[in-house]
Amino acid sequence: MTCIEIAHPHDHLARRFLIEPELMADLLVYYTRKVADKQTIGLLDLKRLECKSPVAIDKNLVEGIGDLRFATTFKGNNRQSNVYLIFEHQSKIDQRIRVRGLNYIIQSYNQFEETHKGKGKLPYPVVVVLYHGKLSWKSLPDMDDLIDIVPGAESGLLKYTLILIDISVIPPEEFEGHPALRALLETLQRTSEGELLANFDRITDYFRSIKRDPRAKGWLHSIVHYAMSVAEIGSELIVKAYSKVFNEREAQKMAMTTAQKLLLEGKAEGLAEGETKGKVETVLTVLRAKFNKVPKGIEKTIRQKKDPVALDSWAAHAVHSKTLDEFATVLH
């Protein structure tokens, strides 16, 4: 199957899940490692964590846009929000991340000043970086390490709290917290290791325990879309993922939506080969959604077809056919 090209797929997926305060809170509680960082998190009232920059959500295949910023308070404080928590995602090590974090804080403070007209104390800033690259991220340079100053002197620049969460060093079986968070982290980690396809079935298992959660459908849809964008995932795995989490009718409906997206993406490539591949996978996805398995002979015939018009006709026939035998009549 042709991979779908979307910009910054890792960022989209991370933000799609971590927009939920419940998942962000679990990320902070279970994955903060340094003692000083744990102490900082322990001071925060995570039950009052509120996302201040909602992600734009597409009604079919959900994608996130923009930075995630949260507000909360210190425990025992009556102010509505005196802590700003800024989230950043990294799939590559960036030793200048403190400079970027400082820029995020300044942007947040500029917004605060505009809103409050220069009145009131500024919120306490915390920058959280989630990293899932191939190599472990062992250290974070201080700001003074990045500045050309006289040896022994100090720049006096803000020493803010930057929490690095490196999941590359955590075995997937040791992931903790909400099942959706564990699914997200393992998806990102397996992708960095080049093992997403081999573990896709295991990852979608996380959603079985939360299938009654109204957010589960959107989360699983996002995982599937992400897998389509970064790996050569087959339609059979997509249908299987939906079928084991939802009832047959719902699985068929979701697989059909994915099939339509595949067709659109195939057309978007602007290439005859890409369009044909998209249409082939559309036909196969519909058949698997309706009849679970597609005989090898039928699959071979479909994959060998190069006429996009004929494939469109087959896709329509697949939707309306009540049996595989009825569908097979159009192949001859």
C-alpha atoms as a PDB file:
ATOM      1  CA  MET A   1       0.000   0.000   0.000  1.00  0.00           C
ATOM      2  CA  THR A   2       1.226   3.517  -0.774  1.00  0.00           C
ATOM      3  CA  CYS A   3       2.013   5.606   2.308  1.00  0.00           C
ATOM      4  CA  ILE A   4      -0.113   8.710   2.739  1.00  0.00           C
ATOM      5  CA  GLU A   5       2.036  11.841   2.903  1.00  0.00           C
ATOM      6  CA  ILE A   6       0.991  14.241   5.669  1.00  0.00           C
ATOM      7  CA  ALA A   7       3.162  16.924   7.185  1.00  0.00           C
ATOM      8  CA  HIS A   8       4.672  16.144  10.593  1.00  0.00           C
ATOM      9  CA  PRO A   9       2.723  12.916  11.280  1.00  0.00           C
ATOM     10  CA  HIS A  10       4.427  12.361  14.674  1.00  0.00           C
ATOM     11  CA  ASP A  11       3.402  15.824  15.866  1.00  0.00           C
ATOM     12  CA  HIS A  12      -0.154  15.370  14.634  1.00  0.00           C
ATOM     13  CA  LEU A  13      -0.547  12.091  16.485  1.00  0.00           C
ATOM     14  CA  ALA A  14       1.025  13.269  19.759  1.00  0.00           C
ATOM     15  CA  ARG A  15      -1.090  16.409  19.871  1.00  0.00           C
ATOM     16  CA  ARG A  16      -4.257  14.532  18.903  1.00  0.00           C
ATOM     17  CA  PHE A  17      -3.966  12.374  22.017  1.00  0.00           C
ATOM     18  CA  LEU A  18      -2.324  14.720  24.507  1.00  0.00           C
ATOM     19  CA  ILE A  19      -4.892  17.457  24.028  1.00  0.00           C
ATOM     20  CA  GLU A  20      -6.803  15.418  26.624  1.00  0.00           C
ATOM     21  CA  PRO A  21      -5.828  16.688  30.131  1.00  0.00           C
ATOM     22  CA  GLU A  22      -6.313  13.159  31.497  1.00  0.00           C
ATOM     23  CA  LEU A  23      -3.643  11.751  29.183  1.00  0.00           C
ATOM     24  CA  MET A  24      -1.275  14.683  29.687  1.00  0.00           C
ATOM     25  CA  ALA A  25      -1.575  14.281  33.455  1.00  0.00           C
ATOM     26  CA  ASP A  26      -0.709  10.574  33.201  1.00  0.00           C
ATOM     27  CA  LEU A  27       2.278  11.411  30.998  1.00  0.00           C
ATOM     28  CA  LEU A  28       3.609  13.756  33.685  1.00  0.00           C
ATOM     29  CA  VAL A  29       2.892  11.452  36.625  1.00  0.00           C
ATOM     30  CA  TYR A  30       4.198   8.183  35.174  1.00  0.00           C
ATOM     31  CA  TYR A  31       7.057   9.286  32.926  1.00  0.00           C
ATOM     32  CA  THR A  32       8.816  12.163  34.699  1.00  0.00           C
ATOM     33  CA  ARG A  33      12.129  10.646  35.870  1.00  0.00           C
ATOM     34  CA  LYS A  34      14.384  13.287  37.479  1.00  0.00           C
ATOM     35  CA  VAL A  35      13.818  13.857  41.206  1.00  0.00           C
ATOM     36  CA  ALA A  36      13.635  17.652  40.845  1.00  0.00           C
ATOM     37  CA  ASP A  37      11.118  17.339  38.005  1.00  0.00           C
ATOM     38  CA  LYS A  38       9.008  14.906  40.041  1.00  0.00           C
ATOM     39  CA  GLN A  39       8.955  17.425  42.878  1.00  0.00           C
ATOM     40  CA  THR A  40       7.753  20.139  40.507  1.00  0.00           C
ATOM     41  CA  ILE A  41       4.985  17.926  39.117  1.00  0.00           C
ATOM     42  CA  GLY A  42       4.010  17.023  42.686  1.00  0.00           C
ATOM     43  CA  LEU A  43       3.281  20.711  43.374  1.00  0.00           C
ATOM     44  CA  LEU A  44       0.827  21.010  40.477  1.00  0.00           C
ATOM     45  CA  ASP A  45      -2.917  20.432  40.710  1.00  0.00           C
ATOM     46  CA  LEU A  46      -3.244  18.133  37.699  1.00  0.00           C
ATOM     47  CA  LYS A  47      -6.983  17.709  38.288  1.00  0.00           C
ATOM     48  CA  ARG A  48      -7.372  21.320  37.177  1.00  0.00           C
ATOM     49  CA  LEU A  49      -5.203  20.915  34.088  1.00  0.00           C
ATOM     50  CA  GLU A  50      -6.896  22.663  31.162  1.00  0.00           C
ATOM     51  CA  CYS A  51      -5.843  22.839  27.517  1.00  0.00           C
ATOM     52  CA  LYS A  52      -5.650  26.446  26.345  1.00  0.00           C
ATOM     53  CA  SER A  53      -4.879  25.847  22.678  1.00  0.00           C
ATOM     54  CA  PRO A  54      -7.306  23.273  21.242  1.00  0.00           C
ATOM     55  CA  VAL A  55      -6.127  21.213  18.286  1.00  0.00           C
ATOM     56  CA  ALA A  56      -8.023  21.505  15.025  1.00  0.00           C
ATOM     57  CA  ILE A  57      -9.891  18.230  14.447  1.00  0.00           C
ATOM     58  CA  ASP A  58     -10.900  16.798  11.086  1.00  0.00           C
ATOM     59  CA  LYS A  59     -14.238  14.949  11.238  1.00  0.00           C
ATOM     60  CA  ASN A  60     -12.933  11.848   9.442  1.00  0.00           C
ATOM     61  CA  LEU A  61      -9.231  11.284  10.008  1.00  0.00           C
ATOM     62  CA  VAL A  62      -8.169  13.430  12.906  1.00  0.00           C
ATOM     63  CA  GLU A  63      -5.053  15.543  12.736  1.00  0.00           C
ATOM     64  CA  GLY A  64      -3.647  18.105  15.149  1.00  0.00           C
ATOM     65  CA  ILE A  65      -2.341  21.568  14.322  1.00  0.00           C
ATOM     66  CA  GLY A  66      -0.346  23.957  16.488  1.00  0.00           C
ATOM     67  CA  ASP A  67       1.282  23.814  19.897  1.00  0.00           C
ATOM     68  CA  LEU A  68      -0.330  22.370  23.008  1.00  0.00           C
ATOM     69  CA  ARG A  69      -0.429  24.704  25.984  1.00  0.00           C
ATOM     70  CA  PHE A  70      -2.083  23.978  29.312  1.00  0.00           C
ATOM     71  CA  ALA A  71      -2.930  25.999  32.390  1.00  0.00           C
ATOM     72  CA  THR A  72      -3.258  24.797  35.961  1.00  0.00           C
ATOM     73  CA  THR A  73      -2.495  25.941  39.503  1.00  0.00           C
ATOM     74  CA  PHE A  74      -0.244  24.993  42.354  1.00  0.00           C
ATOM     75  CA  LYS A  75      -2.026  22.787  44.886  1.00  0.00           C
ATOM     76  CA  GLY A  76      -3.913  24.787  47.505  1.00  0.00           C
ATOM     77  CA  ASN A  77      -3.950  27.940  45.381  1.00  0.00           C
ATOM     78  CA  ASN A  78      -7.232  29.693  44.563  1.00  0.00           C
ATOM     79  CA  ARG A  79      -6.057  31.437  41.394  1.00  0.00           C
ATOM     80  CA  GLN A  80      -7.677  30.219  38.215  1.00  0.00           C
ATOM     81  CA  SER A  81      -4.311  29.516  36.573  1.00  0.00           C
ATOM     82  CA  ASN A  82      -0.853  30.463  37.794  1.00  0.00           C
ATOM     83  CA  VAL A  83       1.087  27.768  35.936  1.00  0.00           C
ATOM     84  CA  TYR A  84       1.631  27.509  32.177  1.00  0.00           C
ATOM     85  CA  LEU A  85       2.578  24.058  30.909  1.00  0.00           C
ATOM     86  CA  ILE A  86       3.889  24.036  27.339  1.00  0.00           C
ATOM     87  CA  PHE A  87       4.189  20.748  25.431  1.00  0.00           C
ATOM     88  CA  GLU A  88       6.715  20.021  22.692  1.00  0.00           C
ATOM     89  CA  HIS A  89       7.290  16.777  20.794  1.00  0.00           C
ATOM     90  CA  GLN A  90      10.646  15.601  19.409  1.00  0.00           C
ATOM     91  CA  SER A  91      11.589  12.611  17.271  1.00  0.00           C
ATOM     92  CA  LYS A  92      15.175  13.886  16.981  1.00  0.00           C
ATOM     93  CA  ILE A  93      17.612  15.135  19.620  1.00  0.00           C
ATOM     94  CA  ASP A  94      17.869  18.933  19.658  1.00  0.00           C
ATOM     95  CA  GLN A  95      20.574  20.245  21.982  1.00  0.00           C
ATOM     96  CA  ARG A  96      19.214  23.777  21.556  1.00  0.00           C
ATOM     97  CA  ILE A  97      15.765  22.825  22.842  1.00  0.00           C
ATOM     98  CA  ARG A  98      16.165  25.252  25.760  1.00  0.00           C
ATOM     99  CA  VAL A  99      16.321  28.165  23.320  1.00  0.00           C
ATOM    100  CA  ARG A 100      13.108  27.003  21.672  1.00  0.00           C
ATOM    101  CA  GLY A 101      11.493  26.473  25.054  1.00  0.00           C
ATOM    102  CA  LEU A 102      12.442  30.000  26.080  1.00  0.00           C
ATOM    103  CA  ASN A 103      10.799  31.308  22.919  1.00  0.00           C
ATOM    104  CA  TYR A 104       7.586  29.396  23.749  1.00  0.00           C
ATOM    105  CA  ILE A 105       7.547  30.967  27.212  1.00  0.00           C
ATOM    106  CA  ILE A 106       8.005  34.462  25.787  1.00  0.00           C
ATOM    107  CA  GLN A 107       5.126  33.873  23.355  1.00  0.00           C
ATOM    108  CA  SER A 108       2.914  32.730  26.235  1.00  0.00           C
ATOM    109  CA  TYR A 109       3.887  35.744  28.334  1.00  0.00           C
ATOM    110  CA  ASN A 110       3.137  38.110  25.455  1.00  0.00           C
ATOM    111  CA  GLN A 111      -0.357  36.619  25.233  1.00  0.00           C
ATOM    112  CA  PHE A 112      -0.762  36.943  29.011  1.00  0.00           C
ATOM    113  CA  GLU A 113       0.259  40.609  28.911  1.00  0.00           C
ATOM    114  CA  GLU A 114      -2.190  41.370  26.106  1.00  0.00           C
ATOM    115  CA  THR A 115      -5.032  39.658  27.983  1.00  0.00           C
ATOM    116  CA  HIS A 116      -4.294  41.095  31.437  1.00  0.00           C
ATOM    117  CA  LYS A 117      -3.162  44.568  30.309  1.00  0.00           C
ATOM    118  CA  GLY A 118       0.082  44.320  32.252  1.00  0.00           C
ATOM    119  CA  LYS A 119      -1.610  43.503  35.563  1.00  0.00           C
ATOM    120  CA  GLY A 120      -0.949  40.520  37.821  1.00  0.00           C
ATOM    121  CA  LYS A 121       2.052  38.250  38.213  1.00  0.00           C
ATOM    122  CA  LEU A 122       3.154  36.085  35.327  1.00  0.00           C
ATOM    123  CA  PRO A 123       2.318  32.350  35.527  1.00  0.00           C
ATOM    124  CA  TYR A 124       5.076  29.874  36.417  1.00  0.00           C
ATOM    125  CA  PRO A 125       6.353  28.230  33.196  1.00  0.00           C
ATOM    126  CA  VAL A 126       6.976  24.511  32.695  1.00  0.00           C
ATOM    127  CA  VAL A 127       8.100  23.155  29.317  1.00  0.00           C
ATOM    128  CA  VAL A 128       7.548  19.417  28.714  1.00  0.00           C
ATOM    129  CA  VAL A 129       9.362  17.649  25.878  1.00  0.00           C
ATOM    130  CA  LEU A 130       8.273  14.159  24.771  1.00  0.00           C
ATOM    131  CA  TYR A 131      11.041  12.373  22.864  1.00  0.00           C
ATOM    132  CA  HIS A 132      10.918   8.984  21.099  1.00  0.00           C
ATOM    133  CA  GLY A 133      13.965   8.846  18.800  1.00  0.00           C
ATOM    134  CA  LYS A 134      16.267   5.942  18.003  1.00  0.00           C
ATOM    135  CA  LEU A 135      18.976   7.029  20.484  1.00  0.00           C
ATOM    136  CA  SER A 136      18.446   7.952  24.117  1.00  0.00           C
ATOM    137  CA  TRP A 137      18.600  11.660  24.950  1.00  0.00           C
ATOM    138  CA  LYS A 138      21.056  11.613  27.835  1.00  0.00           C
ATOM    139  CA  SER A 139      21.436  15.269  28.809  1.00  0.00           C
ATOM    140  CA  LEU A 140      20.022  18.761  28.430  1.00  0.00           C
ATOM    141  CA  PRO A 141      22.545  21.621  28.235  1.00  0.00           C
ATOM    142  CA  ASP A 142      21.942  24.614  30.516  1.00  0.00           C
ATOM    143  CA  MET A 143      21.324  27.969  28.859  1.00  0.00           C
ATOM    144  CA  ASP A 144      24.847  29.099  29.796  1.00  0.00           C
ATOM    145  CA  ASP A 145      26.274  26.109  27.913  1.00  0.00           C
ATOM    146  CA  LEU A 146      24.758  27.551  24.748  1.00  0.00           C
ATOM    147  CA  ILE A 147      25.994  31.124  25.173  1.00  0.00           C
ATOM    148  CA  ASP A 148      29.449  32.489  24.379  1.00  0.00           C
ATOM    149  CA  ILE A 149      30.406  34.049  27.729  1.00  0.00           C
ATOM    150  CA  VAL A 150      33.593  34.550  29.763  1.00  0.00           C
ATOM    151  CA  PRO A 151      34.536  31.362  31.671  1.00  0.00           C
ATOM    152  CA  GLY A 152      33.263  31.527  35.238  1.00  0.00           C
ATOM    153  CA  ALA A 153      30.619  34.147  34.458  1.00  0.00           C
ATOM    154  CA  GLU A 154      26.853  33.583  34.340  1.00  0.00           C
ATOM    155  CA  SER A 155      24.474  34.980  31.765  1.00  0.00           C
ATOM    156  CA  GLY A 156      21.678  35.548  34.248  1.00  0.00           C
ATOM    157  CA  LEU A 157      19.108  34.264  31.754  1.00  0.00           C
ATOM    158  CA  LEU A 158      15.966  32.594  33.015  1.00  0.00           C
ATOM    159  CA  LYS A 159      16.553  29.090  34.370  1.00  0.00           C
ATOM    160  CA  TYR A 160      13.139  27.659  33.723  1.00  0.00           C
ATOM    161  CA  THR A 161      11.839  24.136  34.318  1.00  0.00           C
ATOM    162  CA  LEU A 162      12.253  21.920  31.256  1.00  0.00           C
ATOM    163  CA  ILE A 163      11.122  18.325  31.714  1.00  0.00           C
ATOM    164  CA  LEU A 164      12.474  15.814  29.206  1.00  0.00           C
ATOM    165  CA  ILE A 165      10.439  12.610  28.862  1.00  0.00           C
ATOM    166  CA  ASP A 166      12.518  10.117  26.888  1.00  0.00           C
ATOM    167  CA  ILE A 167      10.456   7.004  26.139  1.00  0.00           C
ATOM    168  CA  SER A 168      13.188   5.466  23.965  1.00  0.00           C
ATOM    169  CA  VAL A 169      14.685   3.871  27.097  1.00  0.00           C
ATOM    170  CA  ILE A 170      11.416   2.370  28.369  1.00  0.00           C
ATOM    171  CA  PRO A 171      10.358  -1.140  27.265  1.00  0.00           C
ATOM    172  CA  PRO A 172       6.770  -1.059  25.908  1.00  0.00           C
ATOM    173  CA  GLU A 173       5.636  -3.635  28.471  1.00  0.00           C
ATOM    174  CA  GLU A 174       6.538  -1.111  31.193  1.00  0.00           C
ATOM    175  CA  PHE A 175       4.370   1.695  29.829  1.00  0.00           C
ATOM    176  CA  GLU A 176       1.851   2.901  32.417  1.00  0.00           C
ATOM    177  CA  GLY A 177      -1.246   5.067  32.617  1.00  0.00           C
ATOM    178  CA  HIS A 178      -4.338   5.325  30.452  1.00  0.00           C
ATOM    179  CA  PRO A 179      -4.553   2.675  27.667  1.00  0.00           C
ATOM    180  CA  ALA A 180      -4.818   5.409  25.014  1.00  0.00           C
ATOM    181  CA  LEU A 181      -1.621   7.009  26.301  1.00  0.00           C
ATOM    182  CA  ARG A 182       0.179   3.661  26.244  1.00  0.00           C
ATOM    183  CA  ALA A 183      -1.061   3.079  22.677  1.00  0.00           C
ATOM    184  CA  LEU A 184       0.278   6.484  21.643  1.00  0.00           C
ATOM    185  CA  LEU A 185       3.689   5.978  23.248  1.00  0.00           C
ATOM    186  CA  GLU A 186       4.167   2.497  21.841  1.00  0.00           C
ATOM    187  CA  THR A 187       3.101   3.664  18.384  1.00  0.00           C
ATOM    188  CA  LEU A 188       5.680   6.456  18.423  1.00  0.00           C
ATOM    189  CA  GLN A 189       8.407   4.226  19.853  1.00  0.00           C
ATOM    190  CA  ARG A 190       7.775   1.329  17.462  1.00  0.00           C
ATOM    191  CA  THR A 191       7.851   3.753  14.531  1.00  0.00           C
ATOM    192  CA  SER A 192      11.250   5.092  15.615  1.00  0.00           C
ATOM    193  CA  GLU A 193      12.521   1.515  15.795  1.00  0.00           C
ATOM    194  CA  GLY A 194      11.035   0.595  12.407  1.00  0.00           C
ATOM    195  CA  GLU A 195       8.781  -2.006  14.073  1.00  0.00           C
ATOM    196  CA  LEU A 196       5.314  -0.471  13.778  1.00  0.00           C
ATOM    197  CA  LEU A 197       3.926  -3.012  11.312  1.00  0.00           C
ATOM    198  CA  ALA A 198       5.130  -5.981  13.354  1.00  0.00           C
ATOM    199  CA  ASN A 199       3.425  -4.589  16.477  1.00  0.00           C
ATOM    200  CA  PHE A 200       0.372  -2.903  14.982  1.00  0.00           C
ATOM    201  CA  ASP A 201      -1.988  -5.674  16.115  1.00  0.00           C
ATOM    202  CA  ARG A 202      -0.661  -5.450  19.686  1.00  0.00           C
ATOM    203  CA  ILE A 203      -1.017  -1.667  19.722  1.00  0.00           C
ATOM    204  CA  THR A 204      -4.650  -1.725  18.638  1.00  0.00           C
ATOM    205  CA  ASP A 205      -5.356  -4.185  21.469  1.00  0.00           C
ATOM    206  CA  TYR A 206      -5.129  -1.266  23.900  1.00  0.00           C
ATOM    207  CA  PHE A 207      -8.475   0.002  22.637  1.00  0.00           C
ATOM    208  CA  ARG A 208     -10.391  -3.132  23.592  1.00  0.00           C
ATOM    209  CA  SER A 209     -10.461  -2.119  27.247  1.00  0.00           C
ATOM    210  CA  ILE A 210     -11.770   1.383  26.472  1.00  0.00           C
ATOM    211  CA  LYS A 211     -14.094   0.674  23.544  1.00  0.00           C
ATOM    212  CA  ARG A 212     -17.042   2.156  25.449  1.00  0.00           C
ATOM    213  CA  ASP A 213     -15.208   5.449  25.793  1.00  0.00           C
ATOM    214  CA  PRO A 214     -16.728   7.812  23.186  1.00  0.00           C
ATOM    215  CA  ARG A 215     -13.209   9.021  22.345  1.00  0.00           C
ATOM    216  CA  ALA A 216     -11.951   5.529  21.452  1.00  0.00           C
ATOM    217  CA  LYS A 217     -13.218   5.611  17.866  1.00  0.00           C
ATOM    218  CA  GLY A 218     -11.392   8.852  17.095  1.00  0.00           C
ATOM    219  CA  TRP A 219      -8.204   7.668  18.797  1.00  0.00           C
ATOM    220  CA  LEU A 220      -8.129   4.392  16.871  1.00  0.00           C
ATOM    221  CA  HIS A 221      -8.921   6.225  13.642  1.00  0.00           C
ATOM    222  CA  SER A 222      -5.924   8.498  14.286  1.00  0.00           C
ATOM    223  CA  ILE A 223      -3.618   5.539  14.952  1.00  0.00           C
ATOM    224  CA  VAL A 224      -4.707   3.940  11.666  1.00  0.00           C
ATOM    225  CA  HIS A 225      -4.238   7.155   9.711  1.00  0.00           C
ATOM    226  CA  TYR A 226      -0.797   7.638  11.260  1.00  0.00           C
ATOM    227  CA  ALA A 227       0.193   4.061  10.395  1.00  0.00           C
ATOM    228  CA  MET A 228      -0.950   4.663   6.818  1.00  0.00           C
ATOM    229  CA  SER A 229       1.290   7.744   6.638  1.00  0.00           C
ATOM    230  CA  VAL A 230       4.511   6.253   8.027  1.00  0.00           C
ATOM    231  CA  ALA A 231       4.415   2.567   7.102  1.00  0.00           C
ATOM    232  CA  GLU A 232       3.294   0.211   4.359  1.00  0.00           C
ATOM    233  CA  ILE A 233       0.280  -0.966   6.337  1.00  0.00           C
ATOM    234  CA  GLY A 234      -2.109  -3.260   4.491  1.00  0.00           C
ATOM    235  CA  SER A 235      -5.881  -2.956   4.371  1.00  0.00           C
ATOM    236  CA  GLU A 236      -6.243  -6.371   6.037  1.00  0.00           C
ATOM    237  CA  LEU A 237      -4.571  -5.051   9.204  1.00  0.00           C
ATOM    238  CA  ILE A 238      -6.799  -1.977   9.133  1.00  0.00           C
ATOM    239  CA  VAL A 239      -9.985  -4.022   8.948  1.00  0.00           C
ATOM    240  CA  LYS A 240      -8.722  -6.359  11.664  1.00  0.00           C
ATOM    241  CA  ALA A 241      -7.979  -3.417  13.953  1.00  0.00           C
ATOM    242  CA  TYR A 242     -11.498  -2.052  13.614  1.00  0.00           C
ATOM    243  CA  SER A 243     -13.211  -5.440  13.808  1.00  0.00           C
ATOM    244  CA  LYS A 244     -11.688  -6.558  17.103  1.00  0.00           C
ATOM    245  CA  VAL A 245     -12.539  -3.316  18.881  1.00  0.00           C
ATOM    246  CA  PHE A 246     -15.994  -2.514  17.500  1.00  0.00           C
ATOM    247  CA  ASN A 247     -18.988  -4.537  16.353  1.00  0.00           C
ATOM    248  CA  GLU A 248     -19.141  -5.775  12.775  1.00  0.00           C
ATOM    249  CA  ARG A 249     -21.372  -2.976  11.502  1.00  0.00           C
ATOM    250  CA  GLU A 250     -19.243  -0.260  13.085  1.00  0.00           C
ATOM    251  CA  ALA A 251     -16.019  -1.869  11.877  1.00  0.00           C
ATOM    252  CA  GLN A 252     -17.372  -1.991   8.334  1.00  0.00           C
ATOM    253  CA  LYS A 253     -18.366   1.669   8.489  1.00  0.00           C
ATOM    254  CA  MET A 254     -14.932   2.749   9.745  1.00  0.00           C
ATOM    255  CA  ALA A 255     -13.091   0.595   7.214  1.00  0.00           C
ATOM    256  CA  MET A 256     -15.195   2.142   4.455  1.00  0.00           C
ATOM    257  CA  THR A 257     -14.219   5.630   5.647  1.00  0.00           C
ATOM    258  CA  THR A 258     -10.568   4.601   5.562  1.00  0.00           C
ATOM    259  CA  ALA A 259     -11.038   3.130   2.103  1.00  0.00           C
ATOM    260  CA  GLN A 260     -12.489   6.403   0.855  1.00  0.00           C
ATOM    261  CA  LYS A 261      -9.526   8.255   2.332  1.00  0.00           C
ATOM    262  CA  LEU A 262      -7.152   5.873   0.607  1.00  0.00           C
ATOM    263  CA  LEU A 263      -8.849   6.557  -2.702  1.00  0.00           C
ATOM    264  CA  LEU A 264      -8.637  10.324  -2.216  1.00  0.00           C
ATOM    265  CA  GLU A 265      -4.972  10.135  -1.274  1.00  0.00           C
ATOM    266  CA  GLY A 266      -4.259   7.961  -4.297  1.00  0.00           C
ATOM    267  CA  LYS A 267      -5.796  10.628  -6.532  1.00  0.00           C
ATOM    268  CA  ALA A 268      -3.870  13.362  -4.718  1.00  0.00           C
ATOM    269  CA  GLU A 269      -0.586  11.780  -5.764  1.00  0.00           C
ATOM    270  CA  GLY A 270      -1.340  12.867  -9.317  1.00  0.00           C
ATOM    271  CA  LEU A 271       0.167   9.663 -10.705  1.00  0.00           C
ATOM    272  CA  ALA A 272      -1.626   6.871 -12.559  1.00  0.00           C
ATOM    273  CA  GLU A 273       0.206   4.252 -10.493  1.00  0.00           C
ATOM    274  CA  GLY A 274      -0.658   5.949  -7.212  1.00  0.00           C
ATOM    275  CA  GLU A 275      -4.292   6.315  -8.222  1.00  0.00           C
ATOM    276  CA  THR A 276      -4.508   2.664  -9.251  1.00  0.00           C
ATOM    277  CA  LYS A 277      -2.968   1.468  -5.980  1.00  0.00           C
ATOM    278  CA  GLY A 278      -5.427   3.550  -4.003  1.00  0.00           C
ATOM    279  CA  LYS A 279      -8.386   2.121  -5.932  1.00  0.00           C
ATOM    280  CA  VAL A 280      -7.110  -1.467  -5.561  1.00  0.00           C
ATOM    281  CA  GLU A 281      -6.834  -1.054  -1.788  1.00  0.00           C
ATOM    282  CA  THR A 282     -10.292   0.515  -1.703  1.00  0.00           C
ATOM    283  CA  VAL A 283     -11.860  -2.578  -3.298  1.00  0.00           C
ATOM    284  CA  LEU A 284      -9.947  -4.957  -1.007  1.00  0.00           C
ATOM    285  CA  THR A 285     -10.732  -2.940   2.130  1.00  0.00           C
ATOM    286  CA  VAL A 286     -14.454  -2.955   1.387  1.00  0.00           C
ATOM    287  CA  LEU A 287     -14.455  -6.705   0.710  1.00  0.00           C
ATOM    288  CA  ARG A 288     -12.557  -7.504   3.908  1.00  0.00           C
ATOM    289  CA  ALA A 289     -14.839  -5.263   5.938  1.00  0.00           C
ATOM    290  CA  LYS A 290     -17.920  -7.097   4.610  1.00  0.00           C
ATOM    291  CA  PHE A 291     -16.693 -10.676   4.272  1.00  0.00           C
ATOM    292  CA  ASN A 292     -13.650 -10.821   6.628  1.00  0.00           C
ATOM    293  CA  LYS A 293     -11.409 -12.667   4.132  1.00  0.00           C
ATOM    294  CA  VAL A 294     -10.790 -12.331   0.414  1.00  0.00           C
ATOM    295  CA  PRO A 295      -9.852 -15.499  -1.497  1.00  0.00           C
ATOM    296  CA  LYS A 296      -6.337 -15.344  -2.973  1.00  0.00           C
ATOM    297  CA  GLY A 297      -7.645 -15.771  -6.511  1.00  0.00           C
ATOM    298  CA  ILE A 298      -9.984 -12.777  -6.209  1.00  0.00           C
ATOM    299  CA  GLU A 299      -7.292 -10.655  -4.560  1.00  0.00           C
ATOM    300  CA  LYS A 300      -4.805 -11.519  -7.315  1.00  0.00           C
ATOM    301  CA  THR A 301      -7.310 -10.527 -10.020  1.00  0.00           C
ATOM    302  CA  ILE A 302      -7.997  -7.190  -8.300  1.00  0.00           C
ATOM    303  CA  ARG A 303      -4.314  -6.388  -7.806  1.00  0.00           C
ATOM    304  CA  GLN A 304      -3.545  -7.116 -11.455  1.00  0.00           C
ATOM    305  CA  LYS A 305      -6.202  -4.670 -12.694  1.00  0.00           C
ATOM    306  CA  LYS A 306      -4.711  -1.399 -13.994  1.00  0.00           C
ATOM    307  CA  ASP A 307      -7.862   0.283 -15.309  1.00  0.00           C
ATOM    308  CA  PRO A 308      -8.928   2.928 -12.715  1.00  0.00           C
ATOM    309  CA  VAL A 309     -12.434   3.190 -14.212  1.00  0.00           C
ATOM    310  CA  ALA A 310     -12.969  -0.565 -13.858  1.00  0.00           C
ATOM    311  CA  LEU A 311     -11.655  -0.461 -10.303  1.00  0.00           C
ATOM    312  CA  ASP A 312     -14.150   2.289  -9.435  1.00  0.00           C
ATOM    313  CA  SER A 313     -16.905   0.059 -10.775  1.00  0.00           C
ATOM    314  CA  TRP A 314     -15.619  -2.902  -8.750  1.00  0.00           C
ATOM    315  CA  ALA A 315     -15.521  -0.790  -5.583  1.00  0.00           C
ATOM    316  CA  ALA A 316     -19.162   0.208  -6.054  1.00  0.00           C
ATOM    317  CA  HIS A 317     -20.112  -3.413  -6.742  1.00  0.00           C
ATOM    318  CA  ALA A 318     -18.243  -4.508  -3.590  1.00  0.00           C
ATOM    319  CA  VAL A 319     -20.351  -2.130  -1.493  1.00  0.00           C
ATOM    320  CA  HIS A 320     -23.642  -3.519  -2.813  1.00  0.00           C
ATOM    321  CA  SER A 321     -22.785  -7.230  -3.152  1.00  0.00           C
ATOM    322  CA  LYS A 322     -24.383  -9.493  -0.553  1.00  0.00           C
ATOM    323  CA  THR A 323     -21.921 -12.359  -1.092  1.00  0.00           C
ATOM    324  CA  LEU A 324     -18.418 -12.854  -2.454  1.00  0.00           C
ATOM    325  CA  ASP A 325     -19.839 -14.993  -5.248  1.00  0.00           C
ATOM    326  CA  GLU A 326     -22.080 -12.126  -6.301  1.00  0.00           C
ATOM    327  CA  PHE A 327     -19.095  -9.755  -6.352  1.00  0.00           C
ATOM    328  CA  ALA A 328     -16.941 -12.235  -8.286  1.00  0.00           C
ATOM    329  CA  THR A 329     -19.346 -12.161 -11.228  1.00  0.00           C
ATOM    330  CA  VAL A 330     -17.952  -8.732 -12.290  1.00  0.00           C
ATOM    331  CA  LEU A 331     -14.371 -10.028 -12.446  1.00  0.00           C
ATOM    332  CA  HIS A 332     -14.955 -12.183 -15.549  1.00  0.00           C
END
